[in-house]
Protein backbone atom coordinates (compact mmCIF):
# COMPACT_ATOMS: atom_id res chain seq x y z
CA MET A 1 172.86 79.38 72.00
CA GLY A 2 175.94 78.52 74.13
CA SER A 3 176.29 75.40 76.30
CA HIS A 4 175.85 77.53 79.54
CA SER A 5 173.21 80.17 79.90
CA CYS A 6 170.96 81.42 82.58
CA ASP A 7 167.64 83.53 82.38
CA LEU A 8 167.71 84.98 86.00
CA ARG A 9 165.94 88.05 85.79
CA GLY A 10 164.28 88.79 89.12
CA PHE A 11 167.12 86.95 90.91
CA SER A 12 168.24 88.93 93.97
CA PRO A 13 171.85 89.90 93.74
CA GLY A 14 173.84 87.72 96.19
CA ALA A 15 170.96 85.41 96.87
CA THR A 16 171.87 82.92 99.44
CA GLU A 17 170.30 79.60 101.08
CA GLU A 18 169.01 81.76 103.90
CA ARG A 19 166.78 83.84 101.89
CA PRO A 20 163.44 84.47 103.78
CA VAL A 21 160.64 82.13 103.03
CA ALA A 22 158.41 85.08 102.31
CA GLU A 23 160.58 86.15 99.36
CA THR A 24 160.70 82.46 98.08
CA ASP A 25 156.79 82.52 98.11
CA ALA A 26 156.68 85.86 96.16
CA MET A 27 158.92 84.86 93.30
CA PRO A 28 159.10 82.29 90.42
CA LEU A 29 160.71 79.06 91.39
CA ARG A 30 164.17 78.46 90.15
CA LEU A 31 165.39 75.56 88.04
CA LEU A 32 168.83 74.47 87.42
CA VAL A 33 169.12 72.08 84.25
CA VAL A 34 172.47 70.06 83.79
CA ALA A 35 172.44 68.45 80.36
CA GLU A 36 174.00 68.15 77.12
CA GLU A 37 172.37 68.93 73.73
CA PRO A 38 169.77 68.05 72.58
CA THR A 39 168.21 67.88 76.03
CA ARG A 40 168.90 71.48 76.55
CA THR A 41 167.05 72.41 73.22
CA GLU A 42 164.08 70.13 74.20
CA LEU A 43 163.83 71.83 77.53
CA ARG A 44 163.98 75.21 76.32
CA ARG A 45 160.89 74.40 73.98
CA LEU A 46 158.83 72.72 76.59
CA LEU A 47 159.37 75.26 79.32
CA GLN A 48 158.36 78.20 77.31
CA PRO A 49 154.56 78.18 78.09
CA ILE A 50 155.44 78.36 81.90
CA ALA A 51 158.38 80.89 81.63
CA ASP A 52 156.49 83.33 83.95
CA ARG A 53 156.54 80.70 86.64
CA TRP A 54 160.08 79.31 86.32
CA GLN A 55 163.45 81.03 86.02
CA VAL A 56 165.95 78.48 84.20
CA CYS A 57 169.48 78.32 84.16
CA TYR A 58 171.31 75.82 81.91
CA ALA A 59 174.71 74.26 82.41
CA ALA A 60 176.38 71.52 80.35
CA SER A 61 178.75 70.28 82.88
CA SER A 62 179.10 69.54 86.63
CA GLU A 63 181.64 72.30 87.02
CA GLN A 64 179.38 74.92 85.44
CA ALA A 65 176.51 73.65 87.56
CA ALA A 66 178.57 73.86 90.67
CA SER A 67 179.45 77.37 89.91
CA GLU A 68 175.75 78.38 89.38
CA LEU A 69 174.94 76.77 92.61
CA GLN A 70 177.50 78.83 94.32
CA ARG A 71 176.22 82.03 93.01
CA SER A 72 172.42 81.58 93.12
CA ARG A 73 169.65 79.75 95.05
CA PHE A 74 167.71 77.16 93.26
CA ASP A 75 164.49 75.15 94.14
CA VAL A 76 164.92 72.22 91.56
CA ILE A 77 167.80 70.73 89.80
CA ALA A 78 167.32 68.38 86.61
CA SER A 79 170.46 66.48 85.47
CA GLU A 80 171.36 63.77 83.06
CA PRO A 81 173.23 60.89 84.72
CA SER A 82 176.28 61.34 82.22
CA LEU A 83 177.88 64.75 81.71
CA VAL A 84 180.86 66.02 79.59
CA ASP A 85 183.04 66.25 82.77
CA GLY A 86 181.76 63.74 84.95
CA ASP A 87 178.94 61.92 86.85
CA GLY A 88 175.36 63.65 87.02
CA VAL A 89 174.19 61.44 89.70
CA ALA A 90 177.42 62.28 91.99
CA LEU A 91 176.22 66.00 91.24
CA LEU A 92 172.80 65.04 92.57
CA ARG A 93 174.23 63.47 95.66
CA GLN A 94 176.31 66.54 96.47
CA VAL A 95 173.28 68.66 96.05
CA ARG A 96 171.48 66.39 98.45
CA ALA A 97 174.19 66.66 101.01
CA THR A 98 174.64 70.48 100.63
CA ARG A 99 171.29 71.80 99.57
CA PRO A 100 168.59 69.14 100.85
CA HIS A 101 165.68 71.56 100.11
CA MET A 102 166.18 71.28 96.47
CA VAL A 103 163.93 68.77 94.51
CA ARG A 104 166.10 66.56 92.42
CA LEU A 105 165.01 65.05 88.97
CA LEU A 106 167.07 62.68 86.98
CA LEU A 107 166.71 63.00 83.29
CA SER A 108 167.62 59.73 81.52
CA ARG A 109 166.86 57.51 78.44
CA SER A 110 166.87 54.29 80.09
CA SER A 111 164.86 53.34 83.40
CA ALA A 112 166.20 49.89 83.24
CA ASP A 113 169.77 50.73 83.73
CA GLN A 114 170.95 48.87 86.81
CA ALA A 115 173.33 51.61 87.76
CA LEU A 116 170.40 54.09 88.00
CA LEU A 117 168.61 51.75 90.08
CA ARG A 118 171.27 51.57 92.44
CA SER A 119 171.56 55.51 92.47
CA ILE A 120 167.77 55.93 93.55
CA ASP A 121 169.02 57.55 96.92
CA ALA A 122 170.31 60.68 94.76
CA TRP A 123 166.96 61.67 93.13
CA HIS A 124 163.46 62.18 94.07
CA GLN A 125 161.85 61.61 90.60
CA TYR A 126 162.70 59.99 87.37
CA VAL A 127 161.92 61.97 84.01
CA PRO A 128 162.27 59.80 80.86
CA LEU A 129 163.97 61.06 77.80
CA PRO A 130 163.34 62.22 75.16
CA LEU A 131 161.23 64.77 77.02
CA SER A 132 157.49 65.31 76.64
CA GLY A 133 155.17 67.62 78.43
CA GLN A 134 153.34 64.76 79.89
CA SER A 135 156.61 63.67 81.79
CA LEU A 136 158.36 66.83 82.68
CA LEU A 137 155.66 69.45 83.40
CA PRO A 138 153.73 67.33 85.96
CA ALA A 139 156.94 66.95 87.73
CA LEU A 140 157.62 70.65 88.03
CA ALA A 141 153.99 71.33 88.62
CA ARG A 142 154.59 68.86 91.73
CA ALA A 143 157.70 70.81 92.71
CA GLN A 144 155.80 74.15 92.66
CA ALA A 145 152.71 72.71 94.76
CA LEU A 146 155.23 71.15 97.21
CA SER A 147 156.91 74.58 97.55
CA THR A 148 153.59 76.05 99.11
CA LEU A 149 152.62 73.07 101.12
CA LEU A 150 155.81 73.27 103.34
CA ALA A 151 157.01 76.67 103.74
CA SER A 152 159.60 76.02 106.59
CA GLU A 153 163.16 76.08 105.21
CA VAL A 154 164.12 74.17 108.30
CA LEU A 155 161.61 71.25 107.61
CA ARG A 156 162.25 71.30 103.92
CA ARG A 157 165.91 70.61 104.65
CA ALA A 158 164.99 68.11 107.10
CA VAL A 159 162.91 66.26 104.71
CA GLY A 160 165.23 66.66 101.78
CA GLU A 161 167.98 65.00 103.87
CA MET A 162 165.96 61.72 103.74
CA GLU A 163 166.87 59.04 101.20
CA SER A 164 164.52 58.60 98.26
CA LEU A 165 162.25 55.73 98.74
CA PRO A 166 164.01 53.42 101.13
CA ALA A 167 166.17 50.81 99.63
CA MET A 168 164.20 47.74 98.78
CA ASP A 169 165.06 44.61 100.23
CA VAL A 170 165.18 41.41 97.92
CA SER A 171 161.77 40.19 98.56
CA TYR A 172 160.11 43.49 97.88
CA ARG A 173 161.97 43.96 94.46
CA GLN A 174 160.82 40.34 93.72
CA LEU A 175 157.36 41.19 94.60
CA LEU A 176 157.20 44.31 92.39
CA ASP A 177 158.46 42.32 89.54
CA GLU A 178 155.73 39.77 89.91
CA LEU A 179 153.11 42.48 90.31
CA ARG A 180 154.32 44.24 87.40
CA SER A 181 154.19 41.17 85.20
CA PRO A 182 151.45 40.76 82.42
CA GLU A 183 149.74 38.05 84.49
CA PRO A 184 150.72 38.15 88.08
CA SER A 185 150.48 34.84 89.95
CA VAL A 186 148.84 34.83 93.33
CA ARG A 187 150.73 31.49 94.08
CA ARG A 188 154.00 33.39 93.20
CA VAL A 189 153.00 36.34 95.17
CA GLY A 190 152.27 34.13 98.03
CA GLN A 191 155.88 32.23 97.81
CA ILE A 192 157.51 35.61 97.83
CA ILE A 193 155.69 36.83 100.89
CA GLY A 194 156.35 33.32 102.74
CA GLY A 195 160.15 33.71 102.17
CA ASP A 196 160.10 37.18 103.98
CA ILE A 197 159.39 36.67 107.80
CA ALA A 198 158.53 40.39 108.46
CA LEU A 199 156.17 40.90 105.54
CA SER A 200 154.70 37.43 105.90
CA ALA A 201 153.91 37.99 109.66
CA ARG A 202 152.54 41.65 108.92
CA ILE A 203 150.08 40.36 106.12
CA LEU A 204 148.82 37.19 107.99
CA GLN A 205 148.34 39.52 111.24
CA LEU A 206 146.20 41.71 109.19
CA VAL A 207 144.12 38.88 107.40
CA ASN A 208 143.49 37.40 110.71
CA SER A 209 142.34 40.47 112.48
CA ALA A 210 138.90 41.43 113.52
CA PHE A 211 138.47 42.99 110.15
CA PHE A 212 137.73 39.85 108.44
CA GLY A 213 136.06 37.92 111.33
CA LEU A 214 137.22 34.56 109.75
CA PRO A 215 135.93 31.25 111.35
CA LYS A 216 139.53 29.85 111.41
CA ARG A 217 142.97 31.63 111.44
CA LEU A 218 144.84 31.51 108.05
CA SER A 219 148.62 30.50 108.02
CA ASN A 220 149.21 30.26 104.28
CA PRO A 221 150.45 33.52 102.69
CA SER A 222 148.78 32.53 99.27
CA GLU A 223 145.34 32.30 100.99
CA ALA A 224 145.87 35.64 102.28
CA VAL A 225 146.93 37.18 99.01
CA MET A 226 143.61 35.93 97.50
CA LEU A 227 141.57 37.32 100.36
CA LEU A 228 143.24 40.84 100.37
CA GLY A 229 143.94 41.28 96.57
CA LEU A 230 147.16 42.06 94.89
CA GLU A 231 147.02 45.94 95.19
CA THR A 232 146.53 45.87 98.87
CA VAL A 233 149.40 43.33 99.03
CA LYS A 234 151.48 45.73 97.09
CA ALA A 235 150.67 48.68 99.64
CA LEU A 236 151.34 46.56 102.48
CA ALA A 237 154.77 45.51 101.39
CA LEU A 238 155.57 49.19 100.70
CA ALA A 239 154.47 50.17 104.27
CA THR A 240 156.26 47.62 105.96
CA ASN A 241 159.50 48.49 103.98
CA ILE A 242 158.99 52.18 104.87
CA PHE A 243 158.29 51.51 108.55
CA THR A 244 161.48 48.90 108.86
CA TYR A 245 163.55 51.95 107.37
CA PHE A 246 162.33 54.34 110.24
CA ASP A 247 162.67 51.62 112.90
CA ARG A 248 166.31 52.56 113.23
CA THR A 249 165.92 56.15 113.74
CA SER A 250 162.30 57.04 115.20
CA ALA A 251 161.81 54.31 117.85
CA ARG A 252 163.65 56.42 120.33
CA VAL A 253 160.96 59.09 120.29
CA LEU A 254 157.73 57.32 119.00
CA PRO A 255 155.79 54.05 119.87
CA LEU A 256 156.36 52.80 116.38
CA PRO A 257 154.21 49.32 116.96
CA ALA A 258 151.21 51.43 117.97
CA ILE A 259 151.62 53.84 115.01
CA ARG A 260 152.10 50.79 112.61
CA ASP A 261 148.95 49.34 113.96
CA HIS A 262 147.03 52.59 113.79
CA SER A 263 148.18 53.31 110.21
CA THR A 264 147.13 49.74 109.22
CA SER A 265 143.57 50.07 110.71
CA VAL A 266 143.11 53.44 109.22
CA ALA A 267 143.97 52.01 105.85
CA ALA A 268 141.38 49.32 106.13
CA LEU A 269 138.80 51.63 107.52
CA ALA A 270 139.35 54.18 104.72
CA LYS A 271 139.07 51.47 102.09
CA THR A 272 135.55 50.35 103.84
CA VAL A 273 134.27 54.03 103.65
CA VAL A 274 135.34 54.32 100.13
CA ARG A 275 133.50 51.07 99.16
CA GLN A 276 130.37 52.01 101.24
CA GLU A 277 130.20 55.14 99.01
CA GLY A 278 130.51 53.26 95.90
CA LEU A 279 133.56 54.88 94.46
CA GLU A 280 135.81 53.42 91.80
CA LYS A 281 138.46 50.89 92.38
CA SER A 282 141.30 53.31 91.97
CA THR A 283 139.95 55.36 94.75
CA LEU A 284 139.73 52.21 96.86
CA ASP A 285 143.46 51.52 96.49
CA GLU A 286 144.59 55.10 96.77
CA ALA A 287 142.49 55.44 100.00
CA PHE A 288 144.21 52.36 101.40
CA ILE A 289 147.82 53.55 100.48
CA SER A 290 147.01 57.03 101.89
CA GLY A 291 145.62 55.50 105.15
CA LEU A 292 148.78 53.40 105.54
CA LEU A 293 151.04 56.29 105.08
CA HIS A 294 149.10 59.24 106.65
CA ASP A 295 151.20 59.46 109.74
CA ILE A 296 154.73 59.25 107.97
CA GLY A 297 155.34 62.63 108.90
CA LYS A 298 155.45 61.78 112.43
CA LEU A 299 158.35 59.32 111.59
CA VAL A 300 160.15 61.94 109.60
CA LEU A 301 160.09 64.36 112.39
CA ALA A 302 160.98 62.07 115.00
CA ALA A 303 163.91 60.74 112.92
CA GLN A 304 165.30 64.03 111.62
CA LEU A 305 164.57 66.43 114.63
CA PRO A 306 164.00 64.07 117.57
CA ARG A 307 164.53 66.53 120.35
CA ASP A 308 162.07 69.01 119.04
CA TYR A 309 159.56 66.27 118.42
CA ALA A 310 159.91 65.08 121.82
CA ARG A 311 158.95 68.64 122.83
CA ALA A 312 155.98 68.70 120.68
CA MET A 313 154.81 65.48 122.42
CA LEU A 314 155.46 66.72 125.78
CA LEU A 315 153.65 70.16 125.01
CA ALA A 316 150.63 68.12 123.73
CA GLY A 317 150.37 66.22 126.89
CA GLU A 318 150.96 69.16 129.25
CA GLU A 319 148.59 71.50 127.72
CA ARG A 320 145.96 68.93 126.41
CA LEU A 321 146.36 69.73 122.77
CA GLU A 322 145.98 67.76 119.72
CA LEU A 323 149.45 66.70 118.44
CA VAL A 324 149.00 68.61 115.14
CA GLU A 325 148.49 71.79 117.24
CA ALA A 326 151.67 71.28 119.47
CA GLU A 327 153.58 70.40 116.20
CA ARG A 328 152.74 73.55 114.54
CA ARG A 329 153.63 75.60 117.72
CA ILE A 330 157.13 73.81 117.66
CA PHE A 331 157.76 73.36 113.93
CA GLY A 332 155.24 75.89 112.22
CA ALA A 333 153.86 72.74 110.39
CA SER A 334 152.37 69.48 111.22
CA HIS A 335 153.25 65.99 110.33
CA ALA A 336 150.47 65.88 107.83
CA GLU A 337 152.27 68.50 105.88
CA VAL A 338 155.67 66.97 106.18
CA GLY A 339 154.41 63.51 105.37
CA ALA A 340 152.70 64.84 102.21
CA TYR A 341 155.82 66.90 101.20
CA LEU A 342 157.97 63.77 101.49
CA LEU A 343 155.51 61.62 99.57
CA GLY A 344 155.39 64.20 96.76
CA LEU A 345 159.07 64.13 96.54
CA TRP A 346 158.72 60.33 95.96
CA GLY A 347 156.18 61.01 93.34
CA PHE A 348 153.01 59.44 95.14
CA PRO A 349 149.61 60.25 93.36
CA GLU A 350 147.99 63.54 93.93
CA ALA A 351 144.76 61.86 95.76
CA VAL A 352 147.28 60.13 98.12
CA LEU A 353 149.00 63.34 98.95
CA GLN A 354 145.74 65.16 99.72
CA GLY A 355 144.49 62.35 101.95
CA VAL A 356 148.02 62.78 103.91
CA ALA A 357 148.30 66.51 103.89
CA PHE A 358 144.78 67.48 104.92
CA HIS A 359 143.71 64.39 106.97
CA HIS A 360 143.34 66.44 110.05
CA SER A 361 141.78 69.49 108.38
CA PRO A 362 140.08 68.59 104.97
CA SER A 363 138.24 71.89 104.74
CA ARG A 364 141.91 73.37 103.92
CA SER A 365 141.96 71.23 100.79
CA LEU A 366 140.54 72.47 97.26
CA THR A 367 139.06 69.18 97.02
CA ALA A 368 135.18 69.49 97.38
CA GLU A 369 134.15 66.00 96.52
CA VAL A 370 133.94 62.55 98.53
CA GLY A 371 137.10 60.71 97.97
CA VAL A 372 140.40 59.56 99.40
CA LEU A 373 140.65 62.45 101.73
CA THR A 374 137.11 61.88 103.07
CA ALA A 375 137.84 58.24 103.83
CA VAL A 376 141.23 58.89 105.50
CA HIS A 377 139.81 61.97 107.70
CA VAL A 378 136.78 59.80 108.85
CA ALA A 379 138.96 56.59 109.40
CA ASN A 380 141.51 58.41 111.39
CA ILE A 381 138.93 59.60 113.83
CA VAL A 382 136.93 56.32 114.09
CA GLU A 383 140.11 54.45 114.70
CA HIS A 384 141.27 56.78 117.51
CA GLU A 385 137.78 56.49 119.05
CA ALA A 386 137.90 52.80 118.91
CA TYR A 387 141.44 52.15 120.42
CA PRO A 388 142.01 55.12 122.64
CA ALA A 389 145.05 53.36 124.08
CA ASN A 390 146.98 54.20 120.91
CA ARG A 391 146.63 57.96 121.40
CA ILE A 392 149.80 60.15 121.94
CA ALA A 393 147.76 63.01 122.81
CA VAL A 394 144.25 64.70 122.68
CA PRO A 395 142.28 62.78 119.83
CA PRO A 396 141.53 64.52 116.68
CA HIS A 397 138.07 65.77 115.84
CA TYR A 398 135.91 65.71 112.85
CA ASP A 399 136.24 68.77 110.41
CA SER A 400 132.52 69.88 110.78
CA ASP A 401 132.67 72.51 108.27
CA TYR A 402 133.95 70.10 105.52
CA LEU A 403 131.42 67.45 106.30
CA ARG A 404 128.77 69.93 106.31
CA GLN A 405 129.89 71.35 102.84
CA LEU A 406 129.55 67.68 101.19
CA ASN A 407 126.27 66.97 103.18
CA LEU A 408 127.95 63.98 104.86
CA GLU A 409 127.07 64.62 108.53
CA ASP A 410 124.24 62.18 108.55
CA ARG A 411 126.97 59.52 107.14
CA LEU A 412 129.01 59.52 110.46
CA LEU A 413 126.87 57.28 112.26
CA THR A 414 126.85 54.68 109.42
CA TRP A 415 130.69 54.99 109.11
CA SER A 416 131.41 54.75 112.60
CA SER A 417 129.03 51.63 113.28
CA THR A 418 130.01 49.60 110.22
CA SER A 419 133.67 50.58 109.51
CA LEU A 420 135.24 48.46 112.01
CA LYS A 421 133.17 45.38 111.05
CA GLY A 422 134.10 46.23 107.27
CA THR A 423 136.27 44.17 105.01
CA PHE A 424 138.77 44.71 102.12
């Protein structure tokens, strides 16, 4: 087969970027692959089982890819970093600038290449070569799920214009390197945190909060790490990095310190709920991360569409609405879906995405078991009730249908009375 081929059956003639959302939902998703042999052959073999859900176009060069992008509309692009006529990363950056709604995948044989690490702003997810069903198909399944989560083309574009994970500062990279080592050292992690004023202050603030009820305040980051645990420290470092990134753009619209405090409290409460229910440690960690990032969609909307988000906040206050309802009136979606969409592009685990996407309305989820979503939903409401000063609008309410379905109504009193006194 030639170096350039497209199977575009079902594509509308003259399809454009403004094709109605309803048509997008009714048709298979469209994938543009930009790669040399043997990668194209590998992809044709792997994609055969899902041919009914994906329409695929193959290009061997950035010039061919540019031609196809002009001719047709695509939902996902997957490119190798080096192409016969140029730089695949540059192509992905161009797609980010001109078609931000598209999910961008980087296909590469080396995850340790420093040049690729510096190009993290260009792609959403990294797919290792040689390809396998375990690496590529989950990435495409995630893209398909995200396409149904956020229907608004305007919002997809707004989120797609965001960078991939905010550029990591030196201390966060050092922290990740240490945590990924075969035997991470609590002492070394404490030293790294102690060298970063913002991260050190955040972690010491948390460990000295009412959640722990310590007889004396801790001032040593190493002691804080021992008390919190390495996974919690890693999640806090990530959240601190993300909030710092949004400080530059969202602070004009949102009370960021209040949102940061609320998110940290929800993370701690969610972890307490999971522990009380006797769930496994992986659920404990995912609940904490999901709680930390459950309101990230507010930061995205305030950063990308500040005037519209200010309108949503004003509407919520004037008409005594929950903020999610005001957001849906203005945007057609809420911060919950927007946040989950962004985290999905960044490759966060499914349980974390569920906790973020449905934390206001868990009965809309297909998850019918006690887990991360349950914990974040409950923790968010308990925290709002405990700290009403942090509210932007009418406080959220429990999803009684969801709690009744899981036979959890009698647990609410227990969670409400003990969560605020829980520990990590």
